[in-house]
Amino acid sequence: MWKVLLLAALATALWSGEASAHARLLKAAPRVGAAVPSPSELRLWFSETVDLTHSNIAVSGPGGARIAVGPLHLDGADQRVVIAPVTGRLAPGRYRVEWNVTSTDTHHTDGDFTFTVKP
């Protein structure tokens, strides 16, 4: 029985160490896969505090055209939330958000998701 408990404790310690080692995307606004009116900003919630000097968010629209976003900034109340202002109204269609961030503990992560702007 003690071997099972020891293995469970070891597995838990290893899993929790890996989970906290990188800033994971927890949620986004617009929501991943959502159909929404043209947003004025993108908000990405991460599992750790983000260092903006080594982070980026790129948006591409229908046909792959790059969409300009304003300078990234952190939410004043939560340094794990990255905000990217959208500079202009987005046309209807599917948009892809590609992100790469560095957490304050210097670990890099990246990913992408899509959302759709409704007509």
N, C-alpha and C. Protein backbone atom coordinates (compact mmCIF):
# COMPACT_ATOMS: atom_id res chain seq x y z
N MET A 1 0.82 -1.19 0.00
CA MET A 1 0.00 0.00 0.00
C MET A 1 0.87 1.26 0.00
N TRP A 2 1.97 1.24 0.77
CA TRP A 2 2.81 2.43 0.85
C TRP A 2 3.46 2.73 -0.49
N LYS A 3 3.71 1.68 -1.32
CA LYS A 3 4.28 1.90 -2.65
C LYS A 3 3.30 2.66 -3.55
N VAL A 4 2.03 2.30 -3.44
CA VAL A 4 1.01 2.98 -4.24
C VAL A 4 0.93 4.45 -3.82
N LEU A 5 0.93 4.71 -2.53
CA LEU A 5 0.87 6.09 -2.04
C LEU A 5 2.11 6.88 -2.46
N LEU A 6 3.27 6.26 -2.39
CA LEU A 6 4.50 6.91 -2.80
C LEU A 6 4.48 7.25 -4.30
N LEU A 7 4.04 6.31 -5.12
CA LEU A 7 3.94 6.56 -6.56
C LEU A 7 2.92 7.66 -6.86
N ALA A 8 1.80 7.66 -6.17
CA ALA A 8 0.79 8.70 -6.37
C ALA A 8 1.34 10.07 -5.99
N ALA A 9 2.05 10.15 -4.89
CA ALA A 9 2.63 11.42 -4.45
C ALA A 9 3.69 11.90 -5.45
N LEU A 10 4.50 11.00 -5.93
CA LEU A 10 5.52 11.35 -6.91
C LEU A 10 4.89 11.83 -8.21
N ALA A 11 3.88 11.13 -8.68
CA ALA A 11 3.19 11.53 -9.91
C ALA A 11 2.54 12.89 -9.75
N THR A 12 1.92 13.14 -8.61
CA THR A 12 1.29 14.44 -8.35
C THR A 12 2.33 15.55 -8.33
N ALA A 13 3.45 15.33 -7.69
CA ALA A 13 4.51 16.34 -7.63
C ALA A 13 5.06 16.64 -9.02
N LEU A 14 5.29 15.62 -9.82
CA LEU A 14 5.80 15.83 -11.17
C LEU A 14 4.79 16.54 -12.04
N TRP A 15 3.53 16.16 -11.97
CA TRP A 15 2.49 16.78 -12.78
C TRP A 15 2.29 18.24 -12.39
N SER A 16 2.25 18.55 -11.12
CA SER A 16 2.02 19.93 -10.69
C SER A 16 3.22 20.80 -11.02
N GLY A 17 4.42 20.26 -11.00
CA GLY A 17 5.60 21.03 -11.38
C GLY A 17 5.57 21.38 -12.86
N GLU A 18 5.15 20.47 -13.69
CA GLU A 18 5.05 20.73 -15.12
C GLU A 18 3.94 21.73 -15.41
N ALA A 19 2.83 21.62 -14.70
CA ALA A 19 1.71 22.52 -14.95
C ALA A 19 2.06 23.96 -14.61
N SER A 20 2.89 24.18 -13.61
CA SER A 20 3.20 25.55 -13.22
C SER A 20 4.46 26.08 -13.89
N ALA A 21 5.08 25.29 -14.75
CA ALA A 21 6.33 25.71 -15.35
C ALA A 21 6.15 26.66 -16.53
N HIS A 22 4.97 26.74 -17.10
CA HIS A 22 4.73 27.57 -18.27
C HIS A 22 3.38 28.28 -18.15
N ALA A 23 3.30 29.45 -18.77
CA ALA A 23 2.04 30.19 -18.77
C ALA A 23 1.11 29.55 -19.80
N ARG A 24 0.07 28.90 -19.31
CA ARG A 24 -0.92 28.27 -20.18
C ARG A 24 -2.07 29.25 -20.42
N LEU A 25 -2.63 29.24 -21.61
CA LEU A 25 -3.81 30.04 -21.89
C LEU A 25 -5.00 29.39 -21.20
N LEU A 26 -5.65 30.14 -20.30
CA LEU A 26 -6.80 29.63 -19.57
C LEU A 26 -8.11 29.94 -20.28
N LYS A 27 -8.22 31.17 -20.81
CA LYS A 27 -9.40 31.57 -21.56
C LYS A 27 -9.07 32.82 -22.35
N ALA A 28 -9.98 33.18 -23.24
CA ALA A 28 -9.78 34.36 -24.07
C ALA A 28 -11.12 35.04 -24.32
N ALA A 29 -11.05 36.32 -24.62
CA ALA A 29 -12.23 37.08 -25.05
C ALA A 29 -11.81 37.83 -26.30
N PRO A 30 -12.44 37.57 -27.43
CA PRO A 30 -13.54 36.65 -27.63
C PRO A 30 -13.15 35.21 -27.28
N ARG A 31 -14.15 34.44 -26.87
CA ARG A 31 -13.92 33.05 -26.50
C ARG A 31 -13.40 32.25 -27.71
N VAL A 32 -12.60 31.28 -27.42
CA VAL A 32 -12.07 30.39 -28.45
C VAL A 32 -13.23 29.77 -29.21
N GLY A 33 -13.24 29.95 -30.53
CA GLY A 33 -14.27 29.37 -31.38
C GLY A 33 -15.59 30.12 -31.42
N ALA A 34 -15.71 31.23 -30.70
CA ALA A 34 -16.97 31.96 -30.61
C ALA A 34 -17.25 32.77 -31.88
N ALA A 35 -18.53 33.08 -32.09
CA ALA A 35 -18.96 34.01 -33.13
C ALA A 35 -19.45 35.26 -32.41
N VAL A 36 -18.80 36.39 -32.70
CA VAL A 36 -19.05 37.62 -31.94
C VAL A 36 -19.13 38.83 -32.88
N PRO A 37 -19.68 39.95 -32.38
CA PRO A 37 -19.54 41.21 -33.13
C PRO A 37 -18.06 41.62 -33.12
N SER A 38 -17.69 42.56 -33.96
CA SER A 38 -16.30 43.01 -34.02
C SER A 38 -15.82 43.48 -32.65
N PRO A 39 -14.78 42.85 -32.09
CA PRO A 39 -14.29 43.23 -30.76
C PRO A 39 -13.40 44.46 -30.82
N SER A 40 -13.37 45.22 -29.74
CA SER A 40 -12.48 46.39 -29.67
C SER A 40 -11.12 46.00 -29.08
N GLU A 41 -11.07 44.82 -28.47
CA GLU A 41 -9.81 44.33 -27.89
C GLU A 41 -9.87 42.83 -27.76
N LEU A 42 -8.70 42.22 -27.61
CA LEU A 42 -8.57 40.81 -27.30
C LEU A 42 -8.02 40.73 -25.88
N ARG A 43 -8.54 39.81 -25.09
CA ARG A 43 -8.03 39.58 -23.73
C ARG A 43 -7.68 38.10 -23.62
N LEU A 44 -6.46 37.84 -23.18
CA LEU A 44 -6.01 36.46 -23.00
C LEU A 44 -5.59 36.28 -21.55
N TRP A 45 -6.21 35.32 -20.87
CA TRP A 45 -5.92 35.01 -19.48
C TRP A 45 -4.93 33.85 -19.43
N PHE A 46 -3.83 34.05 -18.74
CA PHE A 46 -2.81 33.01 -18.61
C PHE A 46 -2.72 32.51 -17.17
N SER A 47 -2.10 31.36 -17.00
CA SER A 47 -1.97 30.74 -15.69
C SER A 47 -0.87 31.38 -14.84
N GLU A 48 -0.03 32.21 -15.46
CA GLU A 48 1.07 32.87 -14.75
C GLU A 48 1.19 34.31 -15.21
N THR A 49 1.89 35.11 -14.43
CA THR A 49 2.17 36.49 -14.81
C THR A 49 3.04 36.51 -16.06
N VAL A 50 2.73 37.44 -16.97
CA VAL A 50 3.39 37.50 -18.26
C VAL A 50 4.35 38.70 -18.32
N ASP A 51 5.51 38.48 -18.95
CA ASP A 51 6.49 39.54 -19.22
C ASP A 51 6.25 40.03 -20.64
N LEU A 52 5.71 41.23 -20.79
CA LEU A 52 5.35 41.73 -22.12
C LEU A 52 6.54 42.04 -23.01
N THR A 53 7.71 42.26 -22.43
CA THR A 53 8.86 42.60 -23.27
C THR A 53 9.27 41.45 -24.18
N HIS A 54 8.85 40.25 -23.86
CA HIS A 54 9.19 39.08 -24.68
C HIS A 54 7.93 38.32 -25.11
N SER A 55 6.84 39.05 -25.31
CA SER A 55 5.57 38.42 -25.66
C SER A 55 4.96 39.11 -26.87
N ASN A 56 4.12 38.38 -27.62
CA ASN A 56 3.53 38.92 -28.83
C ASN A 56 2.18 38.27 -29.09
N ILE A 57 1.29 39.06 -29.69
CA ILE A 57 0.01 38.55 -30.18
C ILE A 57 -0.14 39.03 -31.61
N ALA A 58 -0.38 38.10 -32.53
CA ALA A 58 -0.60 38.43 -33.94
C ALA A 58 -1.97 37.93 -34.35
N VAL A 59 -2.66 38.73 -35.15
CA VAL A 59 -4.01 38.37 -35.60
C VAL A 59 -4.03 38.38 -37.12
N SER A 60 -4.59 37.34 -37.70
CA SER A 60 -4.78 37.32 -39.15
C SER A 60 -6.26 37.09 -39.43
N GLY A 61 -6.73 37.73 -40.50
CA GLY A 61 -8.14 37.68 -40.83
C GLY A 61 -8.43 36.77 -41.99
N PRO A 62 -9.63 36.92 -42.54
CA PRO A 62 -10.01 36.10 -43.70
C PRO A 62 -8.98 36.27 -44.82
N GLY A 63 -8.57 35.18 -45.40
CA GLY A 63 -7.56 35.22 -46.45
C GLY A 63 -6.14 35.34 -45.94
N GLY A 64 -5.95 35.36 -44.62
CA GLY A 64 -4.62 35.40 -44.05
C GLY A 64 -4.02 36.78 -43.88
N ALA A 65 -4.78 37.84 -44.18
CA ALA A 65 -4.25 39.20 -44.04
C ALA A 65 -3.99 39.52 -42.58
N ARG A 66 -2.84 40.15 -42.30
CA ARG A 66 -2.49 40.58 -40.93
C ARG A 66 -3.41 41.71 -40.48
N ILE A 67 -3.86 41.64 -39.26
CA ILE A 67 -4.71 42.66 -38.66
C ILE A 67 -3.89 43.40 -37.62
N ALA A 68 -3.89 44.71 -37.69
CA ALA A 68 -3.11 45.51 -36.74
C ALA A 68 -3.77 45.47 -35.36
N VAL A 69 -2.93 45.27 -34.36
CA VAL A 69 -3.38 45.40 -32.97
C VAL A 69 -2.46 46.43 -32.31
N GLY A 70 -3.03 47.14 -31.35
CA GLY A 70 -2.25 48.16 -30.65
C GLY A 70 -1.24 47.52 -29.71
N PRO A 71 -0.48 48.35 -29.02
CA PRO A 71 0.52 47.82 -28.08
C PRO A 71 -0.14 46.96 -26.99
N LEU A 72 0.50 45.84 -26.70
CA LEU A 72 0.00 44.96 -25.64
C LEU A 72 0.16 45.64 -24.29
N HIS A 73 -0.79 45.37 -23.40
CA HIS A 73 -0.65 45.81 -22.02
C HIS A 73 -1.32 44.80 -21.11
N LEU A 74 -0.97 44.86 -19.85
CA LEU A 74 -1.53 43.95 -18.86
C LEU A 74 -2.70 44.61 -18.16
N ASP A 75 -3.65 43.80 -17.75
CA ASP A 75 -4.78 44.29 -16.97
C ASP A 75 -4.24 44.82 -15.65
N GLY A 76 -4.64 46.00 -15.26
CA GLY A 76 -4.16 46.61 -14.02
C GLY A 76 -4.49 45.81 -12.78
N ALA A 77 -5.57 45.03 -12.81
CA ALA A 77 -5.98 44.26 -11.65
C ALA A 77 -5.42 42.84 -11.65
N ASP A 78 -4.94 42.37 -12.80
CA ASP A 78 -4.46 40.98 -12.90
C ASP A 78 -3.35 40.91 -13.95
N GLN A 79 -2.12 40.77 -13.52
CA GLN A 79 -0.96 40.76 -14.39
C GLN A 79 -0.84 39.47 -15.22
N ARG A 80 -1.82 38.60 -15.11
CA ARG A 80 -1.85 37.39 -15.93
C ARG A 80 -2.72 37.59 -17.17
N VAL A 81 -3.37 38.76 -17.28
CA VAL A 81 -4.27 39.04 -18.40
C VAL A 81 -3.60 40.01 -19.37
N VAL A 82 -3.40 39.53 -20.61
CA VAL A 82 -2.79 40.35 -21.65
C VAL A 82 -3.91 40.92 -22.52
N ILE A 83 -3.82 42.23 -22.78
CA ILE A 83 -4.83 42.92 -23.58
C ILE A 83 -4.18 43.44 -24.86
N ALA A 84 -4.81 43.15 -25.99
CA ALA A 84 -4.36 43.64 -27.30
C ALA A 84 -5.50 44.46 -27.91
N PRO A 85 -5.37 45.79 -27.93
CA PRO A 85 -6.42 46.61 -28.55
C PRO A 85 -6.51 46.32 -30.06
N VAL A 86 -7.72 46.24 -30.57
CA VAL A 86 -7.93 46.05 -32.01
C VAL A 86 -8.09 47.44 -32.61
N THR A 87 -7.26 47.75 -33.59
CA THR A 87 -7.26 49.09 -34.18
C THR A 87 -8.16 49.13 -35.41
N GLY A 88 -9.43 49.28 -35.18
CA GLY A 88 -10.40 49.35 -36.28
C GLY A 88 -11.42 48.24 -36.18
N ARG A 89 -12.44 48.38 -36.99
CA ARG A 89 -13.52 47.41 -37.01
C ARG A 89 -13.12 46.21 -37.88
N LEU A 90 -13.38 45.02 -37.37
CA LEU A 90 -13.06 43.81 -38.12
C LEU A 90 -14.23 43.43 -39.02
N ALA A 91 -13.92 43.08 -40.25
CA ALA A 91 -14.93 42.63 -41.20
C ALA A 91 -15.42 41.24 -40.80
N PRO A 92 -16.62 40.87 -41.20
CA PRO A 92 -17.09 39.52 -40.90
C PRO A 92 -16.14 38.47 -41.48
N GLY A 93 -15.99 37.39 -40.73
CA GLY A 93 -15.14 36.29 -41.18
C GLY A 93 -14.42 35.64 -40.01
N ARG A 94 -13.58 34.69 -40.33
CA ARG A 94 -12.84 33.92 -39.33
C ARG A 94 -11.47 34.56 -39.10
N TYR A 95 -11.09 34.68 -37.82
CA TYR A 95 -9.82 35.29 -37.43
C TYR A 95 -9.00 34.30 -36.62
N ARG A 96 -7.70 34.35 -36.83
CA ARG A 96 -6.78 33.48 -36.09
C ARG A 96 -5.89 34.35 -35.21
N VAL A 97 -5.82 34.00 -33.95
CA VAL A 97 -4.96 34.69 -32.98
C VAL A 97 -3.80 33.77 -32.66
N GLU A 98 -2.59 34.24 -32.92
CA GLU A 98 -1.38 33.49 -32.57
C GLU A 98 -0.69 34.24 -31.45
N TRP A 99 -0.36 33.53 -30.39
CA TRP A 99 0.28 34.18 -29.24
C TRP A 99 1.54 33.44 -28.86
N ASN A 100 2.50 34.20 -28.39
CA ASN A 100 3.67 33.61 -27.75
C ASN A 100 4.00 34.54 -26.59
N VAL A 101 4.13 33.95 -25.43
CA VAL A 101 4.37 34.74 -24.23
C VAL A 101 5.53 34.14 -23.44
N THR A 102 6.11 35.01 -22.66
CA THR A 102 7.13 34.61 -21.71
C THR A 102 6.60 34.95 -20.33
N SER A 103 6.57 33.97 -19.47
CA SER A 103 6.13 34.23 -18.11
C SER A 103 7.27 34.90 -17.35
N THR A 104 6.96 35.51 -16.21
CA THR A 104 7.99 36.22 -15.47
C THR A 104 9.09 35.28 -14.95
N ASP A 105 8.85 33.97 -14.99
CA ASP A 105 9.92 33.03 -14.61
C ASP A 105 10.73 32.60 -15.84
N THR A 106 10.56 33.31 -16.96
CA THR A 106 11.31 33.18 -18.22
C THR A 106 10.95 31.98 -19.09
N HIS A 107 9.87 31.27 -18.81
CA HIS A 107 9.46 30.17 -19.67
C HIS A 107 8.62 30.69 -20.83
N HIS A 108 8.88 30.19 -22.03
CA HIS A 108 8.17 30.59 -23.24
C HIS A 108 7.09 29.57 -23.58
N THR A 109 5.93 30.07 -23.98
CA THR A 109 4.87 29.20 -24.50
C THR A 109 4.21 29.90 -25.67
N ASP A 110 3.55 29.12 -26.51
CA ASP A 110 2.83 29.72 -27.63
C ASP A 110 1.63 28.86 -27.97
N GLY A 111 0.79 29.44 -28.79
CA GLY A 111 -0.41 28.73 -29.21
C GLY A 111 -1.23 29.60 -30.13
N ASP A 112 -2.39 29.12 -30.50
CA ASP A 112 -3.28 29.90 -31.35
C ASP A 112 -4.71 29.44 -31.13
N PHE A 113 -5.63 30.27 -31.56
CA PHE A 113 -7.05 29.93 -31.53
C PHE A 113 -7.76 30.79 -32.56
N THR A 114 -8.99 30.44 -32.85
CA THR A 114 -9.77 31.21 -33.81
C THR A 114 -11.07 31.69 -33.18
N PHE A 115 -11.62 32.73 -33.77
CA PHE A 115 -12.97 33.20 -33.48
C PHE A 115 -13.52 33.76 -34.77
N THR A 116 -14.82 33.97 -34.81
CA THR A 116 -15.48 34.47 -36.01
C THR A 116 -16.19 35.77 -35.69
N VAL A 117 -16.05 36.75 -36.59
CA VAL A 117 -16.80 37.99 -36.47
C VAL A 117 -18.07 37.82 -37.29
N LYS A 118 -19.21 38.04 -36.62
CA LYS A 118 -20.51 37.90 -37.28
C LYS A 118 -20.79 39.08 -38.21
N PRO A 119 -21.56 38.82 -39.27
CA PRO A 119 -21.94 39.94 -40.16
C PRO A 119 -22.87 40.92 -39.45
